[in-house]
Amino acid sequence: MLSRFMSSSRYFALAARKTEEFLNRFPSVALDDPVTYAHYFEEFYRLAGRASADNDPVVQLSSTFDFPAAAEQCRLIDDNTRAVLVEWGEGADLIAKLQRERHLTGDECRHAQRFSVNLYESEFRKAQASGAVHQPVPDFDLWVWKGHYDPELGAVTETDADRCI
C-alpha cells in the first residue's frame, strides 16, 4: 500500500499535511460528495508518487467489491479488542438475565453490543487480573465490567489515572 521508498510514518505525515492543505483551500467542500474524495485522492496520489489511484490495492479491491479485504488493507490501528458488557441501561437487564438463565439468545447477544465497551487486549488482561471484569457463565464468551461505567467516559477503574475508555 505504501510507496516503496516512503516509510509509513512519512506517508501518514504527508497524508495529514495534504488533508490540512486541501481543506484550507476548499473550506466549504462537501464532505459527503464522492467527487470531493476523487479530487483529493487524485492530488494526494500525484504528490505521493502514484501515477494513479488504480495502483492502490485498496482501490483495486474496492472496485471488485471485496470490501473486507480492502478494509484489511486500510487498517492503521490494531483493533485487537474484547467487548465487555456494562451495567448501564438495558445492559444491566441482560447481565441479570445471563446470571439467572445462564444464556442469552442470538438477538440478545447482538443487542448487548449496544451496552458494551471495547478494551484493548492489554487493558482487558489488566482488568481481568484486578477483578474489574468477570465471566458470569463459564464457557460463554461474554464478559461483564464490574467497575463504574460513566456514559461520557466509558468504563472507569478505581483511580482517575487508570481509566479504560
N, C-alpha and C. Protein backbone atom coordinates (compact mmCIF):
# COMPACT_ATOMS: atom_id res chain seq x y z
N MET A 1 0.82 -1.18 0.00
CA MET A 1 0.00 0.00 0.00
C MET A 1 0.87 1.26 0.00
N LEU A 2 2.03 1.18 0.59
CA LEU A 2 2.91 2.34 0.66
C LEU A 2 3.87 2.33 -0.51
N SER A 3 4.29 3.54 -0.87
CA SER A 3 5.32 3.66 -1.88
C SER A 3 6.57 2.91 -1.40
N ARG A 4 7.29 2.29 -2.31
CA ARG A 4 8.49 1.53 -1.93
C ARG A 4 9.51 2.37 -1.19
N PHE A 5 9.57 3.65 -1.49
CA PHE A 5 10.62 4.50 -0.96
C PHE A 5 10.17 5.38 0.19
N MET A 6 8.99 5.18 0.70
CA MET A 6 8.48 6.05 1.75
C MET A 6 8.06 5.20 2.95
N SER A 7 8.56 5.53 4.13
CA SER A 7 8.18 4.81 5.33
C SER A 7 6.73 5.14 5.67
N SER A 8 6.10 4.29 6.45
CA SER A 8 4.70 4.51 6.79
C SER A 8 4.52 5.80 7.57
N SER A 9 5.42 6.14 8.49
CA SER A 9 5.26 7.37 9.25
C SER A 9 5.38 8.59 8.34
N ARG A 10 6.30 8.55 7.37
CA ARG A 10 6.41 9.65 6.41
C ARG A 10 5.18 9.74 5.53
N TYR A 11 4.65 8.60 5.14
CA TYR A 11 3.46 8.53 4.29
C TYR A 11 2.27 9.13 5.02
N PHE A 12 2.08 8.77 6.28
CA PHE A 12 0.95 9.29 7.04
C PHE A 12 1.12 10.78 7.35
N ALA A 13 2.35 11.21 7.59
CA ALA A 13 2.60 12.64 7.81
C ALA A 13 2.27 13.43 6.54
N LEU A 14 2.64 12.89 5.39
CA LEU A 14 2.31 13.52 4.12
C LEU A 14 0.80 13.60 3.94
N ALA A 15 0.11 12.52 4.25
CA ALA A 15 -1.36 12.49 4.13
C ALA A 15 -2.00 13.53 5.05
N ALA A 16 -1.50 13.67 6.25
CA ALA A 16 -2.04 14.65 7.20
C ALA A 16 -1.82 16.07 6.68
N ARG A 17 -0.61 16.35 6.18
CA ARG A 17 -0.34 17.69 5.63
C ARG A 17 -1.21 17.97 4.41
N LYS A 18 -1.35 16.98 3.53
CA LYS A 18 -2.15 17.15 2.31
C LYS A 18 -3.62 17.39 2.67
N THR A 19 -4.12 16.67 3.65
CA THR A 19 -5.51 16.85 4.06
C THR A 19 -5.73 18.25 4.60
N GLU A 20 -4.83 18.72 5.45
CA GLU A 20 -4.95 20.06 6.01
C GLU A 20 -4.90 21.12 4.90
N GLU A 21 -3.96 20.96 3.99
CA GLU A 21 -3.81 21.91 2.87
C GLU A 21 -5.06 21.89 1.99
N PHE A 22 -5.57 20.73 1.70
CA PHE A 22 -6.76 20.59 0.85
C PHE A 22 -7.97 21.26 1.49
N LEU A 23 -8.17 21.02 2.77
CA LEU A 23 -9.32 21.62 3.47
C LEU A 23 -9.17 23.13 3.62
N ASN A 24 -7.93 23.63 3.73
CA ASN A 24 -7.72 25.07 3.78
C ASN A 24 -8.04 25.72 2.43
N ARG A 25 -7.71 25.03 1.33
CA ARG A 25 -8.03 25.56 0.00
C ARG A 25 -9.51 25.50 -0.31
N PHE A 26 -10.19 24.48 0.22
CA PHE A 26 -11.61 24.29 -0.05
C PHE A 26 -12.38 24.20 1.27
N PRO A 27 -12.50 25.31 2.01
CA PRO A 27 -13.10 25.25 3.35
C PRO A 27 -14.58 24.86 3.37
N SER A 28 -15.28 25.07 2.27
CA SER A 28 -16.72 24.73 2.27
C SER A 28 -17.01 23.49 1.42
N VAL A 29 -15.99 22.66 1.24
CA VAL A 29 -16.15 21.46 0.43
C VAL A 29 -17.19 20.53 1.07
N ALA A 30 -17.96 19.86 0.24
CA ALA A 30 -18.97 18.92 0.73
C ALA A 30 -18.30 17.59 1.04
N LEU A 31 -18.20 17.26 2.33
CA LEU A 31 -17.50 16.03 2.74
C LEU A 31 -18.30 14.77 2.44
N ASP A 32 -19.57 14.92 2.06
CA ASP A 32 -20.37 13.76 1.72
C ASP A 32 -20.47 13.55 0.21
N ASP A 33 -19.67 14.30 -0.55
CA ASP A 33 -19.70 14.22 -2.01
C ASP A 33 -18.53 13.37 -2.50
N PRO A 34 -18.80 12.25 -3.18
CA PRO A 34 -17.71 11.40 -3.69
C PRO A 34 -16.74 12.14 -4.60
N VAL A 35 -17.20 13.18 -5.30
CA VAL A 35 -16.32 13.95 -6.17
C VAL A 35 -15.21 14.62 -5.35
N THR A 36 -15.54 15.06 -4.14
CA THR A 36 -14.54 15.66 -3.26
C THR A 36 -13.40 14.68 -3.02
N TYR A 37 -13.74 13.43 -2.71
CA TYR A 37 -12.71 12.43 -2.42
C TYR A 37 -11.92 12.05 -3.66
N ALA A 38 -12.59 12.01 -4.80
CA ALA A 38 -11.88 11.71 -6.04
C ALA A 38 -10.85 12.80 -6.31
N HIS A 39 -11.24 14.06 -6.12
CA HIS A 39 -10.33 15.18 -6.33
C HIS A 39 -9.16 15.13 -5.33
N TYR A 40 -9.48 14.90 -4.06
CA TYR A 40 -8.44 14.84 -3.02
C TYR A 40 -7.43 13.73 -3.33
N PHE A 41 -7.93 12.51 -3.61
CA PHE A 41 -7.02 11.40 -3.82
C PHE A 41 -6.23 11.54 -5.12
N GLU A 42 -6.81 12.18 -6.12
CA GLU A 42 -6.05 12.44 -7.34
C GLU A 42 -4.83 13.31 -7.00
N GLU A 43 -5.04 14.36 -6.21
CA GLU A 43 -3.93 15.22 -5.80
C GLU A 43 -2.96 14.48 -4.89
N PHE A 44 -3.50 13.72 -3.95
CA PHE A 44 -2.66 13.02 -2.99
C PHE A 44 -1.76 12.00 -3.68
N TYR A 45 -2.33 11.18 -4.57
CA TYR A 45 -1.52 10.16 -5.24
C TYR A 45 -0.46 10.80 -6.14
N ARG A 46 -0.77 11.94 -6.74
CA ARG A 46 0.23 12.64 -7.54
C ARG A 46 1.38 13.09 -6.64
N LEU A 47 1.05 13.61 -5.47
CA LEU A 47 2.04 14.07 -4.51
C LEU A 47 2.85 12.91 -3.92
N ALA A 48 2.18 11.79 -3.66
CA ALA A 48 2.83 10.63 -3.04
C ALA A 48 3.63 9.80 -4.04
N GLY A 49 3.56 10.18 -5.32
CA GLY A 49 4.34 9.45 -6.31
C GLY A 49 3.57 8.38 -7.04
N ARG A 50 2.29 8.30 -6.84
CA ARG A 50 1.48 7.31 -7.57
C ARG A 50 1.05 7.89 -8.91
N ALA A 51 1.11 7.09 -9.94
CA ALA A 51 0.64 7.52 -11.25
C ALA A 51 -0.87 7.72 -11.22
N SER A 52 -1.54 6.84 -10.50
CA SER A 52 -2.99 6.96 -10.36
C SER A 52 -3.45 6.11 -9.19
N ALA A 53 -4.68 6.33 -8.79
CA ALA A 53 -5.23 5.55 -7.69
C ALA A 53 -5.40 4.08 -8.06
N ASP A 54 -5.38 3.78 -9.35
CA ASP A 54 -5.54 2.38 -9.78
C ASP A 54 -4.41 1.49 -9.29
N ASN A 55 -3.28 2.08 -8.89
CA ASN A 55 -2.17 1.30 -8.36
C ASN A 55 -2.35 0.96 -6.89
N ASP A 56 -3.34 1.54 -6.26
CA ASP A 56 -3.58 1.33 -4.83
C ASP A 56 -4.36 0.03 -4.62
N PRO A 57 -3.84 -0.90 -3.82
CA PRO A 57 -4.55 -2.15 -3.60
C PRO A 57 -5.96 -1.95 -3.02
N VAL A 58 -6.14 -0.92 -2.22
CA VAL A 58 -7.46 -0.66 -1.63
C VAL A 58 -8.45 -0.31 -2.73
N VAL A 59 -8.03 0.53 -3.65
CA VAL A 59 -8.90 0.91 -4.76
C VAL A 59 -9.19 -0.32 -5.63
N GLN A 60 -8.18 -1.12 -5.91
CA GLN A 60 -8.37 -2.32 -6.73
C GLN A 60 -9.37 -3.27 -6.07
N LEU A 61 -9.20 -3.52 -4.78
CA LEU A 61 -10.10 -4.42 -4.07
C LEU A 61 -11.52 -3.85 -3.99
N SER A 62 -11.63 -2.56 -3.79
CA SER A 62 -12.95 -1.93 -3.73
C SER A 62 -13.66 -2.00 -5.07
N SER A 63 -12.91 -1.85 -6.14
CA SER A 63 -13.54 -1.89 -7.46
C SER A 63 -14.08 -3.28 -7.79
N THR A 64 -13.57 -4.31 -7.14
CA THR A 64 -14.11 -5.66 -7.32
C THR A 64 -15.08 -6.04 -6.20
N PHE A 65 -15.44 -5.02 -5.39
CA PHE A 65 -16.40 -5.16 -4.29
C PHE A 65 -15.92 -6.11 -3.20
N ASP A 66 -14.60 -6.27 -3.08
CA ASP A 66 -14.04 -7.08 -1.99
C ASP A 66 -13.73 -6.14 -0.82
N PHE A 67 -14.80 -5.61 -0.21
CA PHE A 67 -14.65 -4.62 0.84
C PHE A 67 -13.98 -5.15 2.11
N PRO A 68 -14.20 -6.42 2.51
CA PRO A 68 -13.46 -6.91 3.69
C PRO A 68 -11.94 -6.87 3.47
N ALA A 69 -11.48 -7.27 2.30
CA ALA A 69 -10.04 -7.25 2.02
C ALA A 69 -9.55 -5.80 1.93
N ALA A 70 -10.36 -4.92 1.35
CA ALA A 70 -9.99 -3.50 1.27
C ALA A 70 -9.87 -2.91 2.67
N ALA A 71 -10.80 -3.25 3.54
CA ALA A 71 -10.77 -2.75 4.92
C ALA A 71 -9.52 -3.25 5.63
N GLU A 72 -9.14 -4.48 5.38
CA GLU A 72 -7.93 -5.04 6.00
C GLU A 72 -6.69 -4.28 5.53
N GLN A 73 -6.65 -3.90 4.26
CA GLN A 73 -5.53 -3.13 3.72
C GLN A 73 -5.47 -1.73 4.34
N CYS A 74 -6.63 -1.20 4.75
CA CYS A 74 -6.69 0.16 5.32
C CYS A 74 -6.40 0.19 6.80
N ARG A 75 -6.34 -0.93 7.44
CA ARG A 75 -6.20 -0.97 8.89
C ARG A 75 -4.93 -0.26 9.33
N LEU A 76 -5.11 0.84 10.07
CA LEU A 76 -3.97 1.62 10.55
C LEU A 76 -3.72 1.38 12.02
N ILE A 77 -4.78 1.05 12.76
CA ILE A 77 -4.68 0.89 14.20
C ILE A 77 -5.11 -0.53 14.54
N ASP A 78 -4.34 -1.19 15.36
CA ASP A 78 -4.68 -2.54 15.79
C ASP A 78 -6.03 -2.53 16.48
N ASP A 79 -6.91 -3.40 16.05
CA ASP A 79 -8.24 -3.43 16.67
C ASP A 79 -8.46 -4.72 17.46
N ASN A 80 -7.39 -5.25 18.01
CA ASN A 80 -7.47 -6.46 18.81
C ASN A 80 -8.09 -6.10 20.16
N THR A 81 -9.41 -6.11 20.22
CA THR A 81 -10.13 -5.70 21.42
C THR A 81 -11.08 -6.79 21.88
N ARG A 82 -11.53 -6.65 23.11
CA ARG A 82 -12.52 -7.56 23.70
C ARG A 82 -13.71 -6.73 24.15
N ALA A 83 -14.90 -7.16 23.78
CA ALA A 83 -16.12 -6.46 24.21
C ALA A 83 -16.45 -6.88 25.64
N VAL A 84 -16.85 -5.91 26.43
CA VAL A 84 -17.21 -6.13 27.83
C VAL A 84 -18.56 -5.45 28.06
N LEU A 85 -19.53 -6.21 28.51
CA LEU A 85 -20.88 -5.70 28.78
C LEU A 85 -20.88 -4.90 30.08
N VAL A 86 -21.53 -3.74 30.06
CA VAL A 86 -21.56 -2.89 31.24
C VAL A 86 -22.97 -2.83 31.82
N GLU A 87 -23.03 -2.60 33.14
CA GLU A 87 -24.32 -2.46 33.82
C GLU A 87 -24.82 -1.03 33.64
N TRP A 88 -25.32 -0.77 32.47
CA TRP A 88 -25.83 0.55 32.14
C TRP A 88 -27.00 0.35 31.18
N GLY A 89 -28.08 1.06 31.40
CA GLY A 89 -29.24 0.91 30.54
C GLY A 89 -29.72 -0.52 30.53
N GLU A 90 -30.03 -1.01 29.36
CA GLU A 90 -30.51 -2.39 29.23
C GLU A 90 -29.41 -3.42 29.42
N GLY A 91 -28.17 -2.97 29.47
CA GLY A 91 -27.06 -3.87 29.76
C GLY A 91 -27.24 -4.54 31.10
N ALA A 92 -27.74 -3.80 32.08
CA ALA A 92 -27.98 -4.36 33.42
C ALA A 92 -29.02 -5.48 33.35
N ASP A 93 -30.06 -5.29 32.55
CA ASP A 93 -31.08 -6.34 32.40
C ASP A 93 -30.51 -7.58 31.73
N LEU A 94 -29.67 -7.38 30.73
CA LEU A 94 -29.06 -8.52 30.04
C LEU A 94 -28.12 -9.28 30.96
N ILE A 95 -27.38 -8.54 31.79
CA ILE A 95 -26.49 -9.20 32.75
C ILE A 95 -27.31 -10.02 33.74
N ALA A 96 -28.40 -9.45 34.26
CA ALA A 96 -29.26 -10.16 35.21
C ALA A 96 -29.83 -11.42 34.57
N LYS A 97 -30.29 -11.32 33.31
CA LYS A 97 -30.83 -12.49 32.62
C LYS A 97 -29.75 -13.55 32.42
N LEU A 98 -28.56 -13.12 32.06
CA LEU A 98 -27.46 -14.06 31.86
C LEU A 98 -27.14 -14.80 33.15
N GLN A 99 -27.10 -14.08 34.25
CA GLN A 99 -26.79 -14.71 35.53
C GLN A 99 -27.92 -15.64 35.97
N ARG A 100 -29.15 -15.26 35.68
CA ARG A 100 -30.31 -16.05 36.09
C ARG A 100 -30.49 -17.29 35.22
N GLU A 101 -30.42 -17.10 33.88
CA GLU A 101 -30.75 -18.20 32.96
C GLU A 101 -29.52 -18.86 32.34
N ARG A 102 -28.34 -18.27 32.57
CA ARG A 102 -27.07 -18.81 32.12
C ARG A 102 -26.91 -18.88 30.60
N HIS A 103 -27.71 -18.09 29.88
CA HIS A 103 -27.54 -17.98 28.43
C HIS A 103 -28.26 -16.73 27.93
N LEU A 104 -27.91 -16.31 26.72
CA LEU A 104 -28.62 -15.25 26.00
C LEU A 104 -28.90 -15.75 24.60
N THR A 105 -29.99 -15.29 24.01
CA THR A 105 -30.28 -15.66 22.63
C THR A 105 -29.35 -14.88 21.70
N GLY A 106 -29.32 -15.26 20.45
CA GLY A 106 -28.52 -14.54 19.46
C GLY A 106 -28.93 -13.08 19.37
N ASP A 107 -30.24 -12.83 19.37
CA ASP A 107 -30.72 -11.44 19.31
C ASP A 107 -30.28 -10.66 20.55
N GLU A 108 -30.32 -11.31 21.71
CA GLU A 108 -29.89 -10.64 22.94
C GLU A 108 -28.39 -10.35 22.91
N CYS A 109 -27.61 -11.26 22.37
CA CYS A 109 -26.17 -11.04 22.24
C CYS A 109 -25.89 -9.86 21.32
N ARG A 110 -26.62 -9.77 20.21
CA ARG A 110 -26.45 -8.63 19.31
C ARG A 110 -26.87 -7.34 20.00
N HIS A 111 -27.96 -7.39 20.77
CA HIS A 111 -28.44 -6.22 21.50
C HIS A 111 -27.43 -5.80 22.57
N ALA A 112 -26.74 -6.76 23.15
CA ALA A 112 -25.74 -6.48 24.19
C ALA A 112 -24.60 -5.63 23.65
N GLN A 113 -24.35 -5.68 22.34
CA GLN A 113 -23.28 -4.87 21.76
C GLN A 113 -23.51 -3.38 22.01
N ARG A 114 -24.75 -2.97 22.10
CA ARG A 114 -25.07 -1.56 22.33
C ARG A 114 -24.71 -1.12 23.75
N PHE A 115 -24.50 -2.08 24.64
CA PHE A 115 -24.20 -1.79 26.04
C PHE A 115 -22.85 -2.37 26.44
N SER A 116 -21.95 -2.37 25.47
CA SER A 116 -20.61 -2.92 25.68
C SER A 116 -19.57 -1.86 25.37
N VAL A 117 -18.42 -2.02 26.00
CA VAL A 117 -17.25 -1.21 25.67
C VAL A 117 -16.17 -2.17 25.18
N ASN A 118 -15.29 -1.67 24.35
CA ASN A 118 -14.19 -2.48 23.86
C ASN A 118 -12.92 -2.10 24.59
N LEU A 119 -12.25 -3.10 25.10
CA LEU A 119 -10.96 -2.91 25.77
C LEU A 119 -9.88 -3.55 24.91
N TYR A 120 -8.76 -2.84 24.73
CA TYR A 120 -7.63 -3.47 24.07
C TYR A 120 -7.22 -4.67 24.90
N GLU A 121 -6.61 -5.64 24.26
CA GLU A 121 -6.27 -6.90 24.93
C GLU A 121 -5.46 -6.65 26.20
N SER A 122 -4.51 -5.72 26.16
CA SER A 122 -3.71 -5.44 27.36
C SER A 122 -4.58 -4.84 28.47
N GLU A 123 -5.53 -3.97 28.10
CA GLU A 123 -6.45 -3.40 29.10
C GLU A 123 -7.35 -4.49 29.68
N PHE A 124 -7.79 -5.39 28.80
CA PHE A 124 -8.66 -6.48 29.24
C PHE A 124 -7.93 -7.37 30.23
N ARG A 125 -6.70 -7.76 29.91
CA ARG A 125 -5.93 -8.63 30.81
C ARG A 125 -5.70 -7.95 32.16
N LYS A 126 -5.41 -6.66 32.12
CA LYS A 126 -5.20 -5.90 33.35
C LYS A 126 -6.50 -5.85 34.17
N ALA A 127 -7.62 -5.60 33.50
CA ALA A 127 -8.92 -5.57 34.19
C ALA A 127 -9.28 -6.95 34.74
N GLN A 128 -8.95 -7.98 34.00
CA GLN A 128 -9.21 -9.35 34.44
C GLN A 128 -8.37 -9.67 35.68
N ALA A 129 -7.11 -9.30 35.67
CA ALA A 129 -6.22 -9.57 36.80
C ALA A 129 -6.66 -8.82 38.06
N SER A 130 -7.20 -7.62 37.87
CA SER A 130 -7.63 -6.82 39.02
C SER A 130 -9.06 -7.14 39.46
N GLY A 131 -9.74 -8.01 38.72
CA GLY A 131 -11.12 -8.36 39.08
C GLY A 131 -12.15 -7.37 38.57
N ALA A 132 -11.75 -6.45 37.67
CA ALA A 132 -12.69 -5.46 37.14
C ALA A 132 -13.63 -6.05 36.10
N VAL A 133 -13.30 -7.21 35.54
CA VAL A 133 -14.20 -7.92 34.63
C VAL A 133 -14.35 -9.35 35.13
N HIS A 134 -15.50 -9.91 34.85
CA HIS A 134 -15.69 -11.32 35.19
C HIS A 134 -16.56 -11.98 34.13
N GLN A 135 -16.49 -13.28 34.09
CA GLN A 135 -17.26 -14.08 33.15
C GLN A 135 -18.35 -14.79 33.95
N PRO A 136 -19.59 -14.28 33.92
CA PRO A 136 -20.63 -14.85 34.77
C PRO A 136 -21.00 -16.29 34.47
N VAL A 137 -20.83 -16.70 33.21
CA VAL A 137 -21.14 -18.08 32.84
C VAL A 137 -19.90 -18.67 32.17
N PRO A 138 -19.26 -19.64 32.84
CA PRO A 138 -18.09 -20.26 32.23
C PRO A 138 -18.43 -20.83 30.85
N ASP A 139 -17.49 -20.77 29.94
CA ASP A 139 -17.64 -21.27 28.57
C ASP A 139 -18.62 -20.47 27.73
N PHE A 140 -19.15 -19.36 28.25
CA PHE A 140 -19.99 -18.45 27.47
C PHE A 140 -19.16 -17.19 27.30
N ASP A 141 -18.71 -16.93 26.09
CA ASP A 141 -17.73 -15.86 25.87
C ASP A 141 -18.38 -14.48 25.96
N LEU A 142 -18.80 -14.13 27.15
CA LEU A 142 -19.32 -12.80 27.42
C LEU A 142 -18.80 -12.36 28.77
N TRP A 143 -18.14 -11.22 28.76
CA TRP A 143 -17.52 -10.70 29.96
C TRP A 143 -18.27 -9.47 30.43
N VAL A 144 -18.28 -9.26 31.74
CA VAL A 144 -19.04 -8.17 32.35
C VAL A 144 -18.09 -7.26 33.11
N TRP A 145 -18.27 -5.96 32.93
CA TRP A 145 -17.49 -4.95 33.65
C TRP A 145 -18.08 -4.79 35.03
N LYS A 146 -17.27 -5.00 36.06
CA LYS A 146 -17.74 -4.90 37.45
C LYS A 146 -17.53 -3.51 38.03
N GLY A 147 -16.73 -2.70 37.37
CA GLY A 147 -16.42 -1.38 37.89
C GLY A 147 -17.47 -0.36 37.51
N HIS A 148 -17.12 0.89 37.68
CA HIS A 148 -18.02 2.00 37.38
C HIS A 148 -18.10 2.24 35.88
N TYR A 149 -19.29 2.57 35.39
CA TYR A 149 -19.45 2.95 33.99
C TYR A 149 -20.03 4.35 33.95
N ASP A 150 -19.40 5.22 33.22
CA ASP A 150 -19.86 6.60 33.03
C ASP A 150 -20.24 6.76 31.57
N PRO A 151 -21.47 7.20 31.26
CA PRO A 151 -21.89 7.31 29.86
C PRO A 151 -21.00 8.21 29.01
N GLU A 152 -20.29 9.15 29.63
CA GLU A 152 -19.41 10.03 28.87
C GLU A 152 -17.97 9.55 28.83
N LEU A 153 -17.51 8.91 29.90
CA LEU A 153 -16.11 8.47 29.97
C LEU A 153 -15.93 7.01 29.60
N GLY A 154 -16.96 6.21 29.75
CA GLY A 154 -16.85 4.79 29.49
C GLY A 154 -16.61 4.02 30.77
N ALA A 155 -15.95 2.88 30.64
CA ALA A 155 -15.63 2.04 31.79
C ALA A 155 -14.47 2.68 32.53
N VAL A 156 -14.66 2.98 33.80
CA VAL A 156 -13.66 3.69 34.59
C VAL A 156 -13.22 2.82 35.74
N THR A 157 -11.90 2.72 35.93
CA THR A 157 -11.37 1.96 37.05
C THR A 157 -11.40 2.80 38.31
N GLU A 158 -10.91 2.26 39.38
CA GLU A 158 -10.95 2.94 40.68
C GLU A 158 -10.29 4.30 40.68
N THR A 159 -9.16 4.42 39.98
CA THR A 159 -8.43 5.70 40.01
C THR A 159 -8.59 6.41 38.69
N ASP A 160 -8.66 7.72 38.75
CA ASP A 160 -8.78 8.53 37.54
C ASP A 160 -7.61 8.32 36.61
N ALA A 161 -6.43 8.10 37.16
CA ALA A 161 -5.24 7.96 36.33
C ALA A 161 -5.20 6.64 35.59
N ASP A 162 -6.10 5.72 35.90
CA ASP A 162 -6.06 4.38 35.32
C ASP A 162 -7.37 4.06 34.62
N ARG A 163 -7.82 4.91 33.73
CA ARG A 163 -9.10 4.72 33.06
C ARG A 163 -8.98 3.75 31.90
N CYS A 164 -10.05 3.02 31.69
CA CYS A 164 -10.20 2.19 30.49
C CYS A 164 -11.38 2.76 29.72
N ILE A 165 -11.12 3.42 28.62
CA ILE A 165 -12.20 4.04 27.88
C ILE A 165 -12.38 3.32 26.56
